[in-house]
C-alpha cells in the first residue's frame, strides 16, 4: 500500500521515534508504541518500524496534544449540532474518513471537533472536558497519562525508561516520567532498579472525570457528576439509572368498567366503554338527563340505557303512546284523621284513580306545609306531631283530563299533662327618671299557660300580659301595680311600686314653665295618684 510519509519535527518535550505516520500527533505522542508492523489503527501509516496505536482518552482530551488522542463517543458539537459521519465528508483538506460521527482532532486544531455540513465543510468544536495531566483516568488504568510525575509512592526517583532493557514491557522512551505502557499494570508506575526490573507505583492521583460528558441520562434527564460516578435526575414519567425506563401509568389498571388504558409520558388516558365517562371511566352516564320519557313517564337510569315507567294507559319505550281512553282523577281519602301529640311519624295517604295516572299534591288550607310536614309520593308525612299540626289539608289530583280536590281534617289529641298553679315573680319597686318610660315585668310560670291581668292602686287596669309599659312616668302614673296570673289550677299575684326621680333639668307643663333647680339623683319622691 502506497503511503505518503510526512517527516515532521516533534514539539518540545516529545520524542521523534518514527516518521512513518500520517499525522504529527500519532508520530510524536510519547506513549503507546507497538512492535514493528502490528497494532496499526486507522489514521496511522504502515511504514517500517514502530508506530503509535490510537487508544487515546475516552472521557476527556489532553491539552498537551489538543485532543489528538481523544477516542470517546461524544457526537454533539457546541450549539446542539449533531456531528456528521467522517466517512460522509469528502474534505480535500483533511484526509480523515473513519466510519463514525464521534468528535476527533486529526489535524491539530485547538480541541476535538467534527463536521456539521458536508458540502461547505463547516465544523464546530465539541464540548469535551480537558484531562488533568497530573492525574490518571481509571478507565484506561493510566495508560494515557502524560504528566511529569517522576517519583514513586515511597519517594524514589524513577529511572529513565531507555535505561531499562525490560523483557516485560517494550517501552524505551528517553524520559523518566511515570507511565503505564499498554495498560501493563493498574496505574502509572516506573522502574526503580534497572538490573532486577524492580518498579513501584507512582504518586499520581486518580482524575475526577466529568462522567456526564457522554450524556448518559436519557429522555432529557439531568446528569449530576460526582467523584468517578454520576447520578441522573429523571423527568417526570421516567425512571432507571439513566432515565431509560418510561413509567407505565397503566400498570395499576386505573381505567374502570373495562376501560382501555393508553400510557403516555407522565400520564395516561382511558378509552371508556359505552355508558361511562370520566378520567378513569368512573362516572356512569345518566341516560335520564335528557328526559326521554314523555307524558310524565318516570325515567329509571340503567347500565348503558334507561327504562320509562308509563302512567296507567300510556305505553311505548318512551311512553309516547297515549291511552285511547281518558278518565278524570277521583280521590279516595278519609275526610278525618286523628293523631296524638308527640307521634314521631304520621302518614296520611291520598290515592287517586284516573287515566292516565294522576299527579298528587298536598297542601295546607290557605298555607304551605309546616316545617315538620312534607310530601313523599302520595303520602303526607308529619314528624313529631304537635297540637299546631291540627287543621285542614288538601289533596289535589291532576291528570291531562282534569283535577279532583279533597280535604282531610286532622285532629290532634294533646298529651295529658299535670296542671300547675301559676307562680309570679316580680321586683317590689321600680324607679325611673321623671317623664321617661317604665317597664313592669312579671315572670309567670304554670300549666296551662296562665292568663295575666293588672290592677292599679287596687283597681282594674286596662292591660294584659306579663309586661306592662308606662310610656311617660308622671305624678299621675306612679303608685302600686299588681299583676295577677290565673289558670284552672289556681292564681298568684305580685305587687310592684312605681317611683320616679329627678336626675336632670326637666321641662314640665309641656314647656310652659321650667324647674331651674336640679334635684339630686339619689333623692326620690313618693307620690300618690291625684
Protein backbone atom coordinates (compact mmCIF):
# COMPACT_ATOMS: atom_id res chain seq x y z
CA UNK A 1 0.00 0.00 0.00
CA UNK A 2 1.44 3.35 -1.03
CA UNK A 3 1.53 5.80 1.88
CA UNK A 4 2.60 9.43 1.88
CA UNK A 5 5.30 9.79 4.52
CA UNK A 6 5.43 13.08 6.39
CA UNK A 7 8.74 13.98 8.03
CA UNK A 8 7.90 16.26 10.93
CA UNK A 9 9.70 17.63 13.91
CA UNK A 10 8.11 16.78 17.24
CA UNK A 11 7.09 19.57 19.60
CA UNK A 12 9.33 20.38 22.52
CA UNK A 13 9.26 17.62 25.14
CA UNK A 14 8.21 14.91 22.71
CA UNK A 15 10.24 12.18 21.11
CA UNK A 16 10.62 11.68 17.34
CA UNK A 17 10.80 7.90 17.23
CA UNK A 18 9.49 7.22 13.77
CA UNK A 19 8.28 9.25 10.83
CA UNK A 20 6.08 6.65 9.17
CA UNK A 21 2.77 8.13 10.32
CA UNK A 22 0.08 10.18 8.66
CA UNK A 23 -0.21 12.79 11.39
CA UNK A 24 2.21 14.60 13.62
CA UNK A 25 0.35 13.69 16.81
CA UNK A 26 0.47 9.97 16.08
CA UNK A 27 4.20 10.02 15.48
CA UNK A 28 5.25 12.24 18.33
CA UNK A 29 2.92 11.26 21.21
CA UNK A 30 5.34 9.76 23.78
CA UNK A 31 3.13 6.79 24.76
CA UNK A 32 1.84 3.58 23.17
CA UNK A 33 4.31 2.32 20.62
CA UNK A 34 3.97 -1.21 19.27
CA UNK A 35 6.33 -3.70 17.74
CA UNK A 36 7.04 -3.09 14.08
CA UNK A 37 4.18 -3.82 11.78
CA UNK A 38 1.49 -4.50 14.42
CA UNK A 39 -1.27 -2.62 16.25
CA UNK A 40 -1.96 -0.21 13.42
CA UNK A 41 -5.19 1.79 13.75
CA UNK A 42 -6.98 3.94 11.23
CA UNK A 43 -5.03 7.13 10.73
CA UNK A 44 -1.58 5.61 11.16
CA UNK A 45 0.56 4.61 8.20
CA UNK A 46 2.13 1.18 7.81
CA UNK A 47 5.76 2.00 7.34
CA UNK A 48 8.96 0.41 8.50
CA UNK A 49 9.50 0.46 12.23
CA UNK A 50 7.24 1.02 15.21
CA UNK A 51 4.36 3.42 15.38
CA UNK A 52 1.71 4.53 17.85
CA UNK A 53 -1.65 2.84 18.38
CA UNK A 54 -4.68 5.04 18.59
CA UNK A 55 -6.12 4.13 22.01
CA UNK A 56 -6.24 7.62 23.49
CA UNK A 57 -8.55 9.26 26.02
CA UNK A 58 -12.27 8.49 26.08
CA UNK A 59 -13.80 10.86 28.61
CA UNK A 60 -11.62 13.95 28.22
CA UNK A 61 -8.95 15.26 25.92
CA UNK A 62 -5.35 16.05 26.65
CA UNK A 63 -4.41 19.68 26.49
CA UNK A 64 -0.88 18.52 25.74
CA UNK A 65 -1.89 17.36 22.26
CA UNK A 66 -5.16 19.31 21.86
CA UNK A 67 -7.14 16.08 21.96
CA UNK A 68 -5.48 14.27 19.06
CA UNK A 69 -5.72 11.06 21.10
CA UNK A 70 -9.32 11.53 22.15
CA UNK A 71 -11.28 8.34 21.33
CA UNK A 72 -14.57 8.89 23.17
CA UNK A 73 -18.12 8.77 21.84
CA UNK A 74 -19.31 12.37 22.20
CA UNK A 75 -21.03 13.25 18.92
CA UNK A 76 -22.63 16.62 19.63
CA UNK A 77 -20.87 19.83 18.79
CA UNK A 78 -21.48 23.11 20.60
CA UNK A 79 -24.73 24.79 19.66
CA UNK A 80 -26.66 21.49 19.69
CA UNK A 81 -25.21 20.41 16.34
CA UNK A 82 -25.10 16.68 15.61
CA UNK A 83 -21.80 15.52 14.16
CA UNK A 84 -21.65 14.07 10.64
CA UNK A 85 -20.05 10.72 9.94
CA UNK A 86 -16.43 11.38 8.96
CA UNK A 87 -16.78 8.96 6.06
CA UNK A 88 -19.56 11.07 4.52
CA UNK A 89 -17.45 14.24 4.28
CA UNK A 90 -15.03 14.18 1.37
CA UNK A 91 -12.87 17.06 2.54
CA UNK A 92 -9.85 17.90 0.35
CA UNK A 93 -8.12 19.48 3.34
CA UNK A 94 -8.15 16.75 5.97
CA UNK A 95 -7.83 13.09 4.86
CA UNK A 96 -9.73 11.53 7.78
CA UNK A 97 -12.56 9.14 6.90
CA UNK A 98 -13.31 6.88 9.85
CA UNK A 99 -16.77 5.29 9.81
CA UNK A 100 -18.33 7.06 12.83
CA UNK A 101 -19.52 10.52 13.86
CA UNK A 102 -17.57 10.91 17.10
CA UNK A 103 -15.59 14.07 17.84
CA UNK A 104 -11.90 13.86 16.87
CA UNK A 105 -8.92 16.15 16.20
CA UNK A 106 -7.00 14.63 13.27
CA UNK A 107 -5.27 17.84 12.20
CA UNK A 108 -4.03 19.55 15.36
CA UNK A 109 -6.84 22.07 15.85
CA UNK A 110 -7.38 23.61 19.29
CA UNK A 111 -9.53 20.71 20.56
CA UNK A 112 -11.68 17.81 19.26
CA UNK A 113 -14.24 18.84 16.63
CA UNK A 114 -16.50 17.45 13.92
CA UNK A 115 -18.11 18.40 10.64
CA UNK A 116 -21.68 19.72 10.73
CA UNK A 117 -22.12 20.39 6.99
CA UNK A 118 -20.84 18.02 4.32
CA UNK A 119 -20.61 20.36 1.33
CA UNK A 120 -19.32 23.58 2.88
CA UNK A 121 -17.11 21.66 5.34
CA UNK A 122 -18.49 23.64 8.28
CA UNK A 123 -17.27 22.30 11.62
CA UNK A 124 -17.76 23.04 15.33
CA UNK A 125 -15.73 22.24 18.40
CA UNK A 126 -17.15 19.65 20.78
CA UNK A 127 -17.94 20.24 24.43
CA UNK A 128 -15.45 17.77 25.94
CA UNK A 129 -13.62 18.43 29.23
CA UNK A 130 -9.85 18.74 29.39
CA UNK A 131 -7.92 15.95 31.08
CA UNK A 132 -5.76 16.87 34.04
CA UNK A 133 -2.24 15.77 33.06
CA UNK A 134 -1.32 15.39 36.72
CA UNK A 135 -3.85 12.60 37.27
CA UNK A 136 -4.77 9.38 35.52
CA UNK A 137 -8.07 8.04 34.21
CA UNK A 138 -9.36 4.89 35.87
CA UNK A 139 -10.98 3.63 32.68
CA UNK A 140 -7.58 3.44 30.96
CA UNK A 141 -5.57 2.40 34.05
CA UNK A 142 -3.40 5.43 33.43
CA UNK A 143 -2.22 4.25 30.01
CA UNK A 144 -2.96 7.73 28.66
CA UNK A 145 -1.17 9.56 31.48
CA UNK A 146 1.33 12.07 30.00
CA UNK A 147 2.18 14.10 33.08
CA UNK A 148 5.63 14.77 34.53
CA UNK A 149 5.43 12.95 37.87
CA UNK A 150 8.75 11.08 38.32
CA UNK A 151 8.65 9.90 41.92
CA UNK A 152 7.15 6.75 43.37
CA UNK A 153 4.80 6.30 46.30
CA UNK A 154 7.83 5.76 48.58
CA UNK A 155 9.61 8.84 47.25
CA UNK A 156 12.16 7.16 44.97
CA UNK A 157 13.09 8.82 41.71
CA UNK A 158 12.06 7.00 38.57
CA UNK A 159 14.68 5.57 36.20
CA UNK A 160 14.80 6.62 32.58
CA UNK A 161 12.76 4.14 30.59
CA UNK A 162 15.52 3.92 27.96
CA UNK A 163 17.97 2.76 30.61
CA UNK A 164 15.96 -0.35 31.46
CA UNK A 165 16.10 -3.20 28.97
CA UNK A 166 12.98 -4.91 30.30
CA UNK A 167 11.75 -8.13 28.69
CA UNK A 168 8.24 -7.40 30.00
CA UNK A 169 7.40 -4.02 28.54
CA UNK A 170 8.60 -2.73 25.18
CA UNK A 171 8.78 0.92 26.18
CA UNK A 172 12.10 2.74 25.86
CA UNK A 173 11.35 6.45 25.78
CA UNK A 174 14.14 8.79 26.76
CA UNK A 175 12.36 10.14 29.87
CA UNK A 176 11.81 9.15 33.47
CA UNK A 177 8.17 10.16 33.89
CA UNK A 178 5.61 7.77 35.35
CA UNK A 179 3.75 5.80 32.71
CA UNK A 180 1.69 2.63 32.25
CA UNK A 181 2.67 1.36 28.80
CA UNK A 182 -0.02 -0.72 27.13
CA UNK A 183 -2.00 -0.84 30.41
CA UNK A 184 0.59 -3.30 31.77
CA UNK A 185 -0.41 -2.52 35.37
CA UNK A 186 -3.37 -0.92 37.09
CA UNK A 187 -1.96 2.63 37.31
CA UNK A 188 1.12 4.68 36.30
CA UNK A 189 4.45 3.26 37.53
CA UNK A 190 8.18 3.33 36.84
CA UNK A 191 11.33 1.26 37.30
CA UNK A 192 13.50 1.87 40.36
CA UNK A 193 16.10 -0.89 39.75
CA UNK A 194 17.33 -1.49 36.18
CA UNK A 195 19.12 -4.76 36.93
CA UNK A 196 16.29 -6.56 38.74
CA UNK A 197 13.48 -4.71 36.96
CA UNK A 198 12.03 -3.53 40.24
CA UNK A 199 9.25 -1.00 39.95
CA UNK A 200 6.83 0.99 42.11
CA UNK A 201 3.55 2.70 41.56
CA UNK A 202 3.77 6.45 41.29
CA UNK A 203 2.10 9.06 43.44
CA UNK A 204 -0.33 10.04 40.65
CA UNK A 205 -3.90 10.74 41.80
CA UNK A 206 -6.98 9.41 40.08
CA UNK A 207 -8.69 12.01 37.86
CA UNK A 208 -12.12 13.21 38.80
CA UNK A 209 -13.59 12.84 35.33
CA UNK A 210 -16.74 14.50 34.14
CA UNK A 211 -18.87 11.39 33.95
CA UNK A 212 -21.64 13.48 32.42
CA UNK A 213 -19.61 14.33 29.31
CA UNK A 214 -21.05 11.36 27.42
CA UNK A 215 -24.63 12.45 28.20
CA UNK A 216 -25.61 9.17 29.92
CA UNK A 217 -29.03 10.39 31.10
CA UNK A 218 -31.74 9.63 28.55
CA UNK A 219 -35.09 11.32 27.91
CA UNK A 220 -33.84 14.81 28.87
CA UNK A 221 -32.72 13.67 32.31
CA UNK A 222 -30.27 15.91 34.18
CA UNK A 223 -26.80 14.47 34.90
CA UNK A 224 -25.02 15.24 38.20
CA UNK A 225 -21.31 14.49 38.16
CA UNK A 226 -19.53 13.18 41.26
CA UNK A 227 -16.22 11.51 42.03
CA UNK A 228 -15.87 8.79 39.39
CA UNK A 229 -19.61 8.39 39.12
CA UNK A 230 -22.79 10.24 38.24
CA UNK A 231 -26.48 10.31 39.03
CA UNK A 232 -29.44 11.16 36.82
CA UNK A 233 -32.43 13.27 37.83
CA UNK A 234 -35.19 11.99 35.60
CA UNK A 235 -38.01 13.98 34.07
CA UNK A 236 -41.47 13.19 35.34
CA UNK A 237 -42.62 9.90 33.86
CA UNK A 238 -39.18 8.25 33.60
CA UNK A 239 -37.09 6.12 35.94
CA UNK A 240 -33.95 3.96 35.89
CA UNK A 241 -30.25 4.64 36.45
CA UNK A 242 -30.09 6.50 33.15
CA UNK A 243 -33.78 7.51 33.00
CA UNK A 244 -34.17 4.89 30.30
CA UNK A 245 -37.47 3.44 31.54
CA UNK A 246 -40.85 5.06 30.91
CA UNK A 247 -43.04 4.63 34.00
CA UNK A 248 -46.08 2.62 32.97
CA UNK A 249 -49.01 4.59 34.38
CA UNK A 250 -51.35 1.83 33.20
CA UNK A 251 -49.72 -0.83 35.39
CA UNK A 252 -52.19 -0.14 38.21
CA UNK A 253 -55.21 -0.62 35.88
CA UNK A 254 -56.72 2.82 36.61
CA UNK A 255 -59.49 2.56 34.00
CA UNK A 256 -62.70 1.18 35.49
CA UNK A 257 -65.58 -0.81 33.98
CA UNK A 258 -63.47 -2.30 31.19
CA UNK A 259 -61.92 0.97 30.03
CA UNK A 260 -58.75 0.63 27.94
CA UNK A 261 -55.65 2.41 29.30
CA UNK A 262 -53.13 4.12 26.99
CA UNK A 263 -49.84 5.02 28.67
CA UNK A 264 -48.21 8.39 27.98
CA UNK A 265 -45.21 10.25 29.35
CA UNK A 266 -46.13 11.01 32.97
CA UNK A 267 -49.82 10.47 32.24
CA UNK A 268 -52.36 8.12 30.72
CA UNK A 269 -55.75 8.23 29.03
CA UNK A 270 -58.72 5.92 29.39
CA UNK A 271 -60.94 4.95 26.47
CA UNK A 272 -64.23 4.30 28.24
CA UNK A 273 -66.88 1.77 27.21
CA UNK A 274 -70.28 2.99 26.14
CA UNK A 275 -72.26 4.35 29.06
CA UNK A 276 -69.30 5.58 31.13
CA UNK A 277 -67.24 8.75 31.26
CA UNK A 278 -64.63 10.46 33.46
CA UNK A 279 -60.83 10.38 33.70
CA UNK A 280 -60.96 6.78 34.91
CA UNK A 281 -64.38 5.89 33.42
CA UNK A 282 -65.71 6.17 36.96
CA UNK A 283 -68.92 8.03 36.08
CA UNK A 284 -71.90 6.21 34.67
CA UNK A 285 -73.75 8.31 32.14
CA UNK A 286 -77.22 9.31 33.38
CA UNK A 287 -79.37 8.45 30.39
CA UNK A 288 -82.32 10.17 32.07
CA UNK A 289 -80.74 13.64 31.94
CA UNK A 290 -82.26 14.21 28.51
CA UNK A 291 -85.78 13.48 29.91
CA UNK A 292 -86.60 10.84 27.30
CA UNK A 293 -89.87 9.71 28.93
CA UNK A 294 -92.92 11.54 27.57
CA UNK A 295 -96.36 12.18 29.05
CA UNK A 296 -94.91 12.42 32.58
CA UNK A 297 -93.48 8.93 32.48
CA UNK A 298 -90.84 8.14 35.13
CA UNK A 299 -87.27 7.53 33.87
CA UNK A 300 -85.05 4.89 35.53
CA UNK A 301 -81.33 5.03 34.62
CA UNK A 302 -79.74 1.67 33.78
CA UNK A 303 -76.38 0.40 32.57
CA UNK A 304 -75.89 1.84 29.11
CA UNK A 305 -79.58 2.71 28.83
CA UNK A 306 -82.79 3.66 30.65
CA UNK A 307 -86.36 2.49 31.25
CA UNK A 308 -89.58 4.53 31.20
CA UNK A 309 -92.35 3.67 33.65
CA UNK A 310 -95.50 4.94 31.95
CA UNK A 311 -98.64 6.22 33.59
CA UNK A 312 -101.66 3.97 33.52
CA UNK A 313 -102.96 3.71 29.96
CA UNK A 314 -99.82 5.14 28.26
CA UNK A 315 -97.28 2.90 26.52
CA UNK A 316 -94.22 2.80 24.26
CA UNK A 317 -90.45 2.79 25.02
CA UNK A 318 -90.69 6.48 25.89
CA UNK A 319 -94.36 6.47 26.96
CA UNK A 320 -95.04 8.32 23.74
CA UNK A 321 -98.30 6.43 23.05
CA UNK A 322 -101.21 7.96 24.94
CA UNK A 323 -104.11 5.90 26.16
CA UNK A 324 -107.13 5.96 23.87
CA UNK A 325 -109.35 6.13 26.99
CA UNK A 326 -109.04 9.10 29.38
CA UNK A 327 -110.62 9.30 32.85
CA UNK A 328 -110.59 12.31 35.18
CA UNK A 329 -109.00 11.80 38.64
CA UNK A 330 -111.12 10.50 41.53
CA UNK A 331 -109.54 10.86 45.01
CA UNK A 332 -110.00 8.16 47.61
CA UNK A 333 -109.18 9.59 51.05
CA UNK A 334 -110.74 9.68 54.56
CA UNK A 335 -112.21 13.05 55.48
CA UNK A 336 -110.99 12.92 59.11
CA UNK A 337 -107.77 11.73 60.70
CA UNK A 338 -106.98 11.72 64.45
CA UNK A 339 -103.38 11.87 65.68
CA UNK A 340 -101.79 12.01 69.13
CA UNK A 341 -99.48 14.84 70.14
CA UNK A 342 -95.85 13.64 70.13
CA UNK A 343 -96.32 10.94 67.49
CA UNK A 344 -92.81 10.61 65.89
CA UNK A 345 -94.06 9.97 62.34
CA UNK A 346 -97.58 10.14 60.94
CA UNK A 347 -98.58 9.18 57.37
CA UNK A 348 -101.81 10.20 55.60
CA UNK A 349 -102.25 8.65 52.17
CA UNK A 350 -104.12 10.09 49.21
CA UNK A 351 -104.96 7.62 46.43
CA UNK A 352 -106.48 8.75 43.16
CA UNK A 353 -107.80 6.76 40.22
CA UNK A 354 -107.78 8.03 36.66
CA UNK A 355 -106.35 7.51 33.17
CA UNK A 356 -103.59 8.45 32.84
CA UNK A 357 -102.42 8.08 36.45
CA UNK A 358 -102.95 11.42 38.24
CA UNK A 359 -100.25 13.53 39.92
CA UNK A 360 -100.78 14.05 43.68
CA UNK A 361 -100.09 17.32 45.51
CA UNK A 362 -100.63 18.02 49.25
CA UNK A 363 -101.23 21.49 50.67
CA UNK A 364 -102.45 23.02 53.92
CA UNK A 365 -105.61 25.09 53.55
CA UNK A 366 -104.62 28.67 52.65
CA UNK A 367 -100.98 27.94 53.51
CA UNK A 368 -97.91 25.93 52.62
CA UNK A 369 -96.96 22.83 54.60
CA UNK A 370 -95.35 23.37 58.02
CA UNK A 371 -91.64 22.86 58.60
CA UNK A 372 -92.17 19.40 60.12
CA UNK A 373 -94.57 18.41 57.33
CA UNK A 374 -93.63 17.20 53.84
CA UNK A 375 -94.92 15.13 50.93
CA UNK A 376 -93.34 11.85 49.82
CA UNK A 377 -95.01 10.28 46.77
CA UNK A 378 -98.76 10.34 47.56
CA UNK A 379 -98.23 10.48 51.34
CA UNK A 380 -98.44 13.48 53.67
CA UNK A 381 -95.73 12.99 56.32
CA UNK A 382 -95.86 14.78 59.71
CA UNK A 383 -92.86 14.40 62.01
CA UNK A 384 -93.13 14.88 65.80
CA UNK A 385 -96.81 15.80 65.76
CA UNK A 386 -97.81 18.90 67.76
CA UNK A 387 -101.18 20.43 68.56
CA UNK A 388 -100.39 23.13 65.98
CA UNK A 389 -100.40 20.50 63.21
CA UNK A 390 -104.14 20.05 63.54
CA UNK A 391 -106.36 21.54 60.84
CA UNK A 392 -107.46 21.03 57.23
CA UNK A 393 -105.16 19.72 54.48
CA UNK A 394 -105.99 19.36 50.77
CA UNK A 395 -105.09 16.51 48.44
CA UNK A 396 -105.05 17.64 44.79
CA UNK A 397 -105.05 15.01 41.99
CA UNK A 398 -104.41 16.11 38.39
CA UNK A 399 -104.02 14.47 35.01
CA UNK A 400 -104.36 15.79 31.47
CA UNK A 401 -108.11 15.30 31.63
CA UNK A 402 -108.99 17.10 34.84
CA UNK A 403 -108.46 17.75 38.58
CA UNK A 404 -110.02 16.47 41.82
CA UNK A 405 -109.59 18.05 45.29
CA UNK A 406 -110.45 16.52 48.64
CA UNK A 407 -109.89 17.91 52.16
CA UNK A 408 -108.97 15.93 55.26
CA UNK A 409 -109.41 17.28 58.78
CA UNK A 410 -106.56 16.28 61.09
CA UNK A 411 -107.38 16.26 64.82
CA UNK A 412 -104.50 16.27 67.31
CA UNK A 413 -105.19 14.94 70.82
CA UNK A 414 -102.99 16.76 73.32
CA UNK A 415 -100.92 14.81 75.80
CA UNK A 416 -102.26 14.57 79.38
CA UNK A 417 -100.10 16.96 81.43
CA UNK A 418 -100.26 17.72 85.16
CA UNK A 419 -101.79 21.13 85.67
CA UNK A 420 -99.68 23.51 87.77
CA UNK A 421 -100.91 26.65 89.53
CA UNK A 422 -99.28 29.94 88.49
CA UNK A 423 -96.16 31.31 90.18
CA UNK A 424 -95.45 35.05 89.79
CA UNK A 425 -92.09 36.69 90.45
CA UNK A 426 -91.53 40.47 90.13
CA UNK A 427 -89.43 43.30 91.70
CA UNK A 428 -91.09 45.06 94.62
CA UNK A 429 -90.04 48.53 93.38
CA UNK A 430 -89.18 50.12 90.05
CA UNK A 431 -87.67 53.66 89.98
CA UNK A 432 -87.17 55.60 86.74
CA UNK A 433 -86.43 59.21 85.77
CA UNK A 434 -89.36 61.54 85.71
CA UNK A 435 -91.15 61.76 82.38
CA UNK A 436 -89.46 58.62 80.92
CA UNK A 437 -90.70 55.13 80.06
CA UNK A 438 -91.10 52.34 82.61
CA UNK A 439 -91.47 48.58 82.03
CA UNK A 440 -93.07 46.47 84.74
CA UNK A 441 -92.35 42.74 84.19
CA UNK A 442 -93.91 39.74 85.94
CA UNK A 443 -92.25 36.35 85.35
CA UNK A 444 -95.14 33.87 85.25
CA UNK A 445 -94.99 30.05 85.18
CA UNK A 446 -97.68 27.38 85.31
CA UNK A 447 -99.64 24.91 83.18
CA UNK A 448 -101.84 25.54 81.33
CA UNK A 449 -100.34 28.92 80.47
CA UNK A 450 -101.83 31.40 82.94
CA UNK A 451 -103.82 34.48 81.93
CA UNK A 452 -102.37 37.72 83.35
CA UNK A 453 -104.24 40.93 84.24
CA UNK A 454 -103.15 44.12 86.03
CA UNK A 455 -104.53 46.33 88.90
CA UNK A 456 -103.51 49.91 89.61
CA UNK A 457 -103.89 51.04 93.21
CA UNK A 458 -106.27 48.05 93.73
CA UNK A 459 -108.46 48.97 90.78
CA UNK A 460 -108.77 47.22 87.40
CA UNK A 461 -106.22 48.44 84.86
CA UNK A 462 -106.84 48.00 81.14
CA UNK A 463 -103.81 45.79 80.38
CA UNK A 464 -102.94 42.07 79.97
CA UNK A 465 -99.80 40.04 79.53
CA UNK A 466 -96.74 39.68 81.71
CA UNK A 467 -95.19 43.05 80.71
CA UNK A 468 -96.80 46.45 81.38
CA UNK A 469 -95.29 49.51 79.67
CA UNK A 470 -95.86 53.01 81.13
CA UNK A 471 -94.83 55.32 78.32
CA UNK A 472 -94.49 58.52 80.41
CA UNK A 473 -93.97 58.40 84.17
CA UNK A 474 -95.52 61.36 86.00
CA UNK A 475 -97.26 62.00 89.30
CA UNK A 476 -100.38 60.57 87.72
CA UNK A 477 -98.80 57.18 86.88
CA UNK A 478 -96.71 56.30 89.92
CA UNK A 479 -98.10 54.09 92.65
CA UNK A 480 -98.96 50.43 93.31
CA UNK A 481 -99.31 47.99 90.37
CA UNK A 482 -100.45 44.39 90.82
CA UNK A 483 -100.12 41.55 88.25
CA UNK A 484 -102.48 38.61 88.75
CA UNK A 485 -101.90 35.25 86.96
CA UNK A 486 -104.72 32.69 86.76
CA UNK A 487 -105.28 29.19 85.27
CA UNK A 488 -107.55 26.28 86.11
CA UNK A 489 -105.12 25.13 88.80
CA UNK A 490 -105.09 28.38 90.78
CA UNK A 491 -103.97 32.01 90.88
CA UNK A 492 -100.98 34.08 92.05
CA UNK A 493 -100.10 37.79 92.19
CA UNK A 494 -97.23 40.20 92.85
CA UNK A 495 -97.12 43.94 93.75
CA UNK A 496 -94.76 46.47 92.13
CA UNK A 497 -94.39 50.07 93.43
CA UNK A 498 -93.51 52.51 90.64
CA UNK A 499 -91.48 55.60 91.64
CA UNK A 500 -89.67 58.37 89.81
CA UNK A 501 -86.60 60.53 90.50
CA UNK A 502 -85.21 63.77 89.06
CA UNK A 503 -81.77 63.40 87.60
CA UNK A 504 -81.57 66.39 85.23
CA UNK A 505 -83.32 69.60 84.30
CA UNK A 506 -86.76 68.73 83.13
CA UNK A 507 -89.49 70.59 81.43
CA UNK A 508 -92.95 70.25 82.98
CA UNK A 509 -96.36 71.52 81.99
CA UNK A 510 -95.36 70.91 78.37
CA UNK A 511 -92.81 73.71 78.27
CA UNK A 512 -94.97 76.41 79.87
CA UNK A 513 -92.79 76.56 82.98
CA UNK A 514 -89.36 75.21 83.89
CA UNK A 515 -87.67 73.89 87.02
CA UNK A 516 -84.37 75.65 87.44
CA UNK A 517 -83.28 73.61 90.42
CA UNK A 518 -81.78 70.19 89.81
CA UNK A 519 -82.79 67.62 92.40
CA UNK A 520 -80.06 65.15 93.36
CA UNK A 521 -80.42 61.80 91.60
CA UNK A 522 -80.25 59.91 94.87
CA UNK A 523 -83.24 61.76 96.24
CA UNK A 524 -86.50 60.04 95.29
CA UNK A 525 -90.03 61.29 95.59
CA UNK A 526 -93.02 59.18 96.52
CA UNK A 527 -96.26 60.37 95.09
CA UNK A 528 -99.83 59.25 95.07
CA UNK A 529 -102.16 59.44 92.16
CA UNK A 530 -104.33 62.60 92.12
